[in-house]
C-alpha atoms as a PDB file:
ATOM      1  CA  MET A   1     -38.313 -13.421  52.959  1.00  0.00           C
ATOM      2  CA  LEU A   2     -42.045 -12.955  53.067  1.00  0.00           C
ATOM      3  CA  CYS A   3     -41.887  -9.438  54.508  1.00  0.00           C
ATOM      4  CA  ASP A   4     -39.435  -8.342  51.774  1.00  0.00           C
ATOM      5  CA  GLU A   5     -41.782  -9.633  49.081  1.00  0.00           C
ATOM      6  CA  MET A   6     -44.768  -7.917  50.699  1.00  0.00           C
ATOM      7  CA  PHE A   7     -42.785  -4.683  50.926  1.00  0.00           C
ATOM      8  CA  ARG A   8     -42.023  -4.809  47.194  1.00  0.00           C
ATOM      9  CA  GLN A   9     -45.641  -5.538  46.280  1.00  0.00           C
ATOM     10  CA  VAL A  10     -47.145  -2.809  48.443  1.00  0.00           C
ATOM     11  CA  SER A  11     -44.538  -0.215  47.462  1.00  0.00           C
ATOM     12  CA  GLN A  12     -45.479  -0.694  43.797  1.00  0.00           C
ATOM     13  CA  GLU A  13     -49.026   0.382  44.634  1.00  0.00           C
ATOM     14  CA  TYR A  14     -47.735   3.730  45.977  1.00  0.00           C
ATOM     15  CA  SER A  15     -45.378   4.944  43.280  1.00  0.00           C
ATOM     16  CA  GLU A  16     -45.493   8.514  44.649  1.00  0.00           C
ATOM     17  CA  VAL A  17     -43.817   7.334  47.889  1.00  0.00           C
ATOM     18  CA  ARG A  18     -40.115   6.599  47.841  1.00  0.00           C
ATOM     19  CA  ALA A  19     -39.428   3.130  49.238  1.00  0.00           C
ATOM     20  CA  ASP A  20     -35.864   1.934  49.880  1.00  0.00           C
ATOM     21  CA  GLN A  21     -34.394  -1.182  51.425  1.00  0.00           C
ATOM     22  CA  PHE A  22     -31.192  -1.141  53.491  1.00  0.00           C
ATOM     23  CA  HIS A  23     -28.995  -3.592  55.338  1.00  0.00           C
ATOM     24  CA  ILE A  24     -29.421  -2.928  59.056  1.00  0.00           C
ATOM     25  CA  TYR A  25     -25.855  -1.643  59.571  1.00  0.00           C
ATOM     26  CA  GLU A  26     -26.143   0.745  56.626  1.00  0.00           C
ATOM     27  CA  LEU A  27     -29.468   2.040  57.908  1.00  0.00           C
ATOM     28  CA  ALA A  28     -28.158   2.497  61.453  1.00  0.00           C
ATOM     29  CA  ALA A  29     -25.233   4.566  60.149  1.00  0.00           C
ATOM     30  CA  ALA A  30     -27.531   6.653  57.942  1.00  0.00           C
ATOM     31  CA  LEU A  31     -29.865   7.304  60.903  1.00  0.00           C
ATOM     32  CA  VAL A  32     -26.968   8.628  62.964  1.00  0.00           C
ATOM     33  CA  LEU A  33     -25.447  10.721  60.171  1.00  0.00           C
ATOM     34  CA  ARG A  34     -28.594  11.958  58.380  1.00  0.00           C
ATOM     35  CA  PRO A  35     -31.727  11.395  60.503  1.00  0.00           C
ATOM     36  CA  GLU A  36     -33.608  14.087  58.573  1.00  0.00           C
ATOM     37  CA  LYS A  37     -33.515  11.842  55.493  1.00  0.00           C
ATOM     38  CA  PHE A  38     -36.140   9.486  56.972  1.00  0.00           C
ATOM     39  CA  ASP A  39     -39.835  10.085  57.562  1.00  0.00           C
ATOM     40  CA  VAL A  40     -40.979   6.498  58.219  1.00  0.00           C
ATOM     41  CA  LEU A  41     -39.103   3.287  58.961  1.00  0.00           C
ATOM     42  CA  GLY A  42     -40.504  -0.210  58.779  1.00  0.00           C
ATOM     43  CA  GLY A  43     -38.920  -3.506  59.630  1.00  0.00           C
ATOM     44  CA  SER A  44     -38.949  -6.625  61.737  1.00  0.00           C
ATOM     45  CA  LYS A  45     -39.462  -6.497  65.489  1.00  0.00           C
ATOM     46  CA  LEU A  46     -35.769  -7.028  66.261  1.00  0.00           C
ATOM     47  CA  PHE A  47     -34.523  -4.369  63.861  1.00  0.00           C
ATOM     48  CA  GLY A  48     -37.383  -2.036  64.773  1.00  0.00           C
ATOM     49  CA  ASP A  49     -36.410  -2.169  68.455  1.00  0.00           C
ATOM     50  CA  ILE A  50     -32.762  -1.461  67.655  1.00  0.00           C
ATOM     51  CA  LEU A  51     -33.545   1.402  65.291  1.00  0.00           C
ATOM     52  CA  SER A  52     -36.143   3.011  67.555  1.00  0.00           C
ATOM     53  CA  ASN A  53     -33.618   3.065  70.386  1.00  0.00           C
ATOM     54  CA  LEU A  54     -31.017   4.542  68.066  1.00  0.00           C
ATOM     55  CA  ALA A  55     -33.404   7.192  66.707  1.00  0.00           C
ATOM     56  CA  ARG A  56     -34.833   8.236  70.079  1.00  0.00           C
ATOM     57  CA  PRO A  57     -32.286  11.019  70.825  1.00  0.00           C
ATOM     58  CA  SER A  58     -32.943  12.660  67.440  1.00  0.00           C
ATOM     59  CA  GLN A  59     -36.635  12.836  68.370  1.00  0.00           C
ATOM     60  CA  GLY A  60     -35.860  14.791  71.519  1.00  0.00           C
ATOM     61  CA  ALA A  61     -36.258  11.929  74.011  1.00  0.00           C
ATOM     62  CA  SER A  62     -33.651  10.795  76.463  1.00  0.00           C
ATOM     63  CA  ALA A  63     -31.351   7.983  75.345  1.00  0.00           C
ATOM     64  CA  SER A  64     -31.154   6.612  78.869  1.00  0.00           C
ATOM     65  CA  PRO A  65     -34.122   5.138  80.701  1.00  0.00           C
ATOM     66  CA  SER A  66     -35.643   7.245  83.450  1.00  0.00           C
ATOM     67  CA  ARG A  67     -35.564   5.853  86.959  1.00  0.00           C
END
């Protein structure tokens, strides 16, 4: 995929920053079990929406929408 190739190219320019790639299910499990492991997440719109909803409670926000 184009975004995967771009990720690899850009990450090589910043060797001091750790850059990992995960399958979405593996990343979702890691976010639940070890949220402190992650500083920044990047991904496609679909996966970004899913992961931001999953990560919201660990950031102190409510998991359910306010009414």
